[in-house]
Amino acid sequence: MSQEIALDPAVAARLKRNADGLVPAIAQQYDTKEVLMLGWMDDEALRRTLTSGRATYWSRSRGEYWVKGDTSGHVQRVKSVALDCDADTVLVQVDQVGAACHTGRRTCFDADVLLPSDQ
């Protein structure tokens, strides 16, 4: 029987989780720096992301893990993972295949622009 590898204890000790044990995870296209989406990770989702090379999130609505692209084909291949200075947000730089947003758009942040970047 193979033993499951846990998240590095040094990383786990630094993470600042919300009341549900989750941290926000921002997915960003690694080469263009385009912000694609926000998902949620617990320790296990982060561990899976780090060890598999595929972005894995915790679905709050479904109450289960999901690997981005398993059903849609819109895969996120992980290039790097970083914690912000407070260790309360994860930045996952990915190579996004297809749409990142569940609506079918490339990014979740292009539909409701409140202040255009040219102002």
C-alpha atoms as a PDB file:
ATOM      1  CA  MET A   1       0.000   0.000   0.000  1.00  0.00           C
ATOM      2  CA  SER A   2       1.424   3.374  -1.011  1.00  0.00           C
ATOM      3  CA  GLN A   3       1.403   6.103   1.585  1.00  0.00           C
ATOM      4  CA  GLU A   4      -0.174   9.421   0.625  1.00  0.00           C
ATOM      5  CA  ILE A   5       2.239  12.342   0.615  1.00  0.00           C
ATOM      6  CA  ALA A   6       1.078  15.281   2.748  1.00  0.00           C
ATOM      7  CA  LEU A   7       1.501  18.954   1.978  1.00  0.00           C
ATOM      8  CA  ASP A   8       4.928  20.132   3.101  1.00  0.00           C
ATOM      9  CA  PRO A   9       4.465  20.964   6.818  1.00  0.00           C
ATOM     10  CA  ALA A  10       6.428  24.212   6.441  1.00  0.00           C
ATOM     11  CA  VAL A  11       4.006  25.403   3.755  1.00  0.00           C
ATOM     12  CA  ALA A  12       0.958  24.180   5.680  1.00  0.00           C
ATOM     13  CA  ALA A  13       2.131  26.052   8.784  1.00  0.00           C
ATOM     14  CA  ARG A  14       2.339  29.345   6.869  1.00  0.00           C
ATOM     15  CA  LEU A  15      -1.068  29.182   5.178  1.00  0.00           C
ATOM     16  CA  LYS A  16      -3.759  31.466   6.563  1.00  0.00           C
ATOM     17  CA  ARG A  17      -7.065  29.779   5.830  1.00  0.00           C
ATOM     18  CA  ASN A  18     -10.609  31.107   6.128  1.00  0.00           C
ATOM     19  CA  ALA A  19     -13.129  29.581   8.561  1.00  0.00           C
ATOM     20  CA  ASP A  20     -13.778  26.758   6.069  1.00  0.00           C
ATOM     21  CA  GLY A  21     -10.074  25.882   5.847  1.00  0.00           C
ATOM     22  CA  LEU A  22      -9.710  27.377   2.378  1.00  0.00           C
ATOM     23  CA  VAL A  23      -7.418  29.898   0.714  1.00  0.00           C
ATOM     24  CA  PRO A  24      -8.238  31.792  -2.474  1.00  0.00           C
ATOM     25  CA  ALA A  25      -6.201  30.648  -5.470  1.00  0.00           C
ATOM     26  CA  ILE A  26      -5.763  33.028  -8.376  1.00  0.00           C
ATOM     27  CA  ALA A  27      -5.052  31.368 -11.727  1.00  0.00           C
ATOM     28  CA  GLN A  28      -2.925  33.481 -14.053  1.00  0.00           C
ATOM     29  CA  GLN A  29      -1.678  32.725 -17.567  1.00  0.00           C
ATOM     30  CA  TYR A  30       2.052  32.296 -17.031  1.00  0.00           C
ATOM     31  CA  ASP A  31       3.344  34.073 -20.153  1.00  0.00           C
ATOM     32  CA  THR A  32       0.865  36.943 -20.649  1.00  0.00           C
ATOM     33  CA  LYS A  33       0.105  37.466 -16.922  1.00  0.00           C
ATOM     34  CA  GLU A  34      -3.632  37.542 -17.779  1.00  0.00           C
ATOM     35  CA  VAL A  35      -5.722  36.857 -14.669  1.00  0.00           C
ATOM     36  CA  LEU A  36      -7.988  33.927 -15.546  1.00  0.00           C
ATOM     37  CA  MET A  37     -10.057  32.939 -12.532  1.00  0.00           C
ATOM     38  CA  LEU A  38     -10.287  32.571  -8.792  1.00  0.00           C
ATOM     39  CA  GLY A  39     -10.789  29.189  -7.173  1.00  0.00           C
ATOM     40  CA  TRP A  40     -10.443  27.818  -3.656  1.00  0.00           C
ATOM     41  CA  MET A  41      -7.884  25.390  -2.260  1.00  0.00           C
ATOM     42  CA  ASP A  42      -7.493  23.531   0.981  1.00  0.00           C
ATOM     43  CA  ASP A  43      -4.270  21.750   1.935  1.00  0.00           C
ATOM     44  CA  GLU A  44      -5.186  18.681  -0.109  1.00  0.00           C
ATOM     45  CA  ALA A  45      -6.056  20.657  -3.254  1.00  0.00           C
ATOM     46  CA  LEU A  46      -2.770  22.534  -2.967  1.00  0.00           C
ATOM     47  CA  ARG A  47      -0.859  19.289  -2.454  1.00  0.00           C
ATOM     48  CA  ARG A  48      -2.534  17.740  -5.499  1.00  0.00           C
ATOM     49  CA  THR A  49      -1.745  20.835  -7.554  1.00  0.00           C
ATOM     50  CA  LEU A  50       1.911  20.761  -6.538  1.00  0.00           C
ATOM     51  CA  THR A  51       2.371  17.032  -7.134  1.00  0.00           C
ATOM     52  CA  SER A  52       0.269  16.505 -10.268  1.00  0.00           C
ATOM     53  CA  GLY A  53       1.107  19.566 -12.332  1.00  0.00           C
ATOM     54  CA  ARG A  54      -2.628  20.160 -12.902  1.00  0.00           C
ATOM     55  CA  ALA A  55      -4.597  22.845 -11.064  1.00  0.00           C
ATOM     56  CA  THR A  56      -6.884  21.235  -8.502  1.00  0.00           C
ATOM     57  CA  TYR A  57      -9.486  23.197  -6.566  1.00  0.00           C
ATOM     58  CA  TRP A  58     -12.102  22.615  -3.878  1.00  0.00           C
ATOM     59  CA  SER A  59     -15.602  23.191  -5.222  1.00  0.00           C
ATOM     60  CA  ARG A  60     -17.602  24.918  -2.504  1.00  0.00           C
ATOM     61  CA  SER A  61     -20.879  24.337  -4.357  1.00  0.00           C
ATOM     62  CA  ARG A  62     -20.301  20.623  -5.045  1.00  0.00           C
ATOM     63  CA  GLY A  63     -18.295  19.868  -1.914  1.00  0.00           C
ATOM     64  CA  GLU A  64     -15.580  17.989  -3.807  1.00  0.00           C
ATOM     65  CA  TYR A  65     -12.204  18.362  -5.478  1.00  0.00           C
ATOM     66  CA  TRP A  66     -12.075  19.162  -9.159  1.00  0.00           C
ATOM     67  CA  VAL A  67      -9.148  19.124 -11.507  1.00  0.00           C
ATOM     68  CA  LYS A  68      -9.576  21.983 -13.953  1.00  0.00           C
ATOM     69  CA  GLY A  69     -10.311  20.526 -17.379  1.00  0.00           C
ATOM     70  CA  ASP A  70     -11.258  16.973 -16.414  1.00  0.00           C
ATOM     71  CA  THR A  71     -14.770  17.422 -17.769  1.00  0.00           C
ATOM     72  CA  SER A  72     -14.407  20.474 -20.054  1.00  0.00           C
ATOM     73  CA  GLY A  73     -11.013  19.730 -21.580  1.00  0.00           C
ATOM     74  CA  HIS A  74      -9.940  23.269 -20.592  1.00  0.00           C
ATOM     75  CA  VAL A  75      -6.857  22.134 -18.713  1.00  0.00           C
ATOM     76  CA  GLN A  76      -4.609  24.267 -16.536  1.00  0.00           C
ATOM     77  CA  ARG A  77      -1.033  22.970 -16.680  1.00  0.00           C
ATOM     78  CA  VAL A  78       0.798  24.403 -13.680  1.00  0.00           C
ATOM     79  CA  LYS A  79       3.992  26.356 -14.344  1.00  0.00           C
ATOM     80  CA  SER A  80       4.548  27.819 -10.843  1.00  0.00           C
ATOM     81  CA  VAL A  81       2.829  28.244  -7.497  1.00  0.00           C
ATOM     82  CA  ALA A  82       3.518  31.064  -5.035  1.00  0.00           C
ATOM     83  CA  LEU A  83       2.109  32.365  -1.768  1.00  0.00           C
ATOM     84  CA  ASP A  84       1.501  36.066  -1.319  1.00  0.00           C
ATOM     85  CA  CYS A  85       3.342  37.972   1.416  1.00  0.00           C
ATOM     86  CA  ASP A  86       0.665  37.169   4.029  1.00  0.00           C
ATOM     87  CA  ALA A  87       0.328  33.510   2.955  1.00  0.00           C
ATOM     88  CA  ASP A  88      -3.434  33.985   2.636  1.00  0.00           C
ATOM     89  CA  THR A  89      -3.637  33.742  -1.165  1.00  0.00           C
ATOM     90  CA  VAL A  90      -2.090  31.358  -3.663  1.00  0.00           C
ATOM     91  CA  LEU A  91      -1.006  32.429  -7.143  1.00  0.00           C
ATOM     92  CA  VAL A  92      -1.057  29.551  -9.619  1.00  0.00           C
ATOM     93  CA  GLN A  93       0.614  30.414 -12.903  1.00  0.00           C
ATOM     94  CA  VAL A  94      -0.703  28.084 -15.563  1.00  0.00           C
ATOM     95  CA  ASP A  95      -0.736  27.347 -19.240  1.00  0.00           C
ATOM     96  CA  GLN A  96      -4.480  27.529 -19.886  1.00  0.00           C
ATOM     97  CA  VAL A  97      -5.940  25.386 -22.650  1.00  0.00           C
ATOM     98  CA  GLY A  98      -9.268  26.852 -23.808  1.00  0.00           C
ATOM     99  CA  ALA A  99     -11.620  28.788 -21.584  1.00  0.00           C
ATOM    100  CA  ALA A 100     -10.859  29.269 -17.891  1.00  0.00           C
ATOM    101  CA  CYS A 101     -14.326  30.521 -16.945  1.00  0.00           C
ATOM    102  CA  HIS A 102     -17.303  28.183 -16.504  1.00  0.00           C
ATOM    103  CA  THR A 103     -19.225  30.511 -18.840  1.00  0.00           C
ATOM    104  CA  GLY A 104     -16.968  29.526 -21.728  1.00  0.00           C
ATOM    105  CA  ARG A 105     -14.983  32.771 -21.719  1.00  0.00           C
ATOM    106  CA  ARG A 106     -11.210  32.882 -21.685  1.00  0.00           C
ATOM    107  CA  THR A 107     -11.189  34.702 -18.327  1.00  0.00           C
ATOM    108  CA  CYS A 108     -13.718  35.266 -15.575  1.00  0.00           C
ATOM    109  CA  PHE A 109     -12.683  38.930 -15.411  1.00  0.00           C
ATOM    110  CA  ASP A 110     -13.718  40.369 -18.766  1.00  0.00           C
ATOM    111  CA  ALA A 111     -17.527  40.611 -18.606  1.00  0.00           C
ATOM    112  CA  ASP A 112     -18.145  43.294 -15.969  1.00  0.00           C
ATOM    113  CA  VAL A 113     -15.350  45.846 -16.233  1.00  0.00           C
ATOM    114  CA  LEU A 114     -16.108  48.551 -13.668  1.00  0.00           C
ATOM    115  CA  LEU A 115     -13.258  50.869 -14.581  1.00  0.00           C
ATOM    116  CA  PRO A 116     -11.579  50.435 -17.979  1.00  0.00           C
ATOM    117  CA  SER A 117      -7.797  50.194 -17.910  1.00  0.00           C
ATOM    118  CA  ASP A 118      -7.445  53.127 -20.320  1.00  0.00           C
ATOM    119  CA  GLN A 119      -8.723  55.680 -17.795  1.00  0.00           C
END
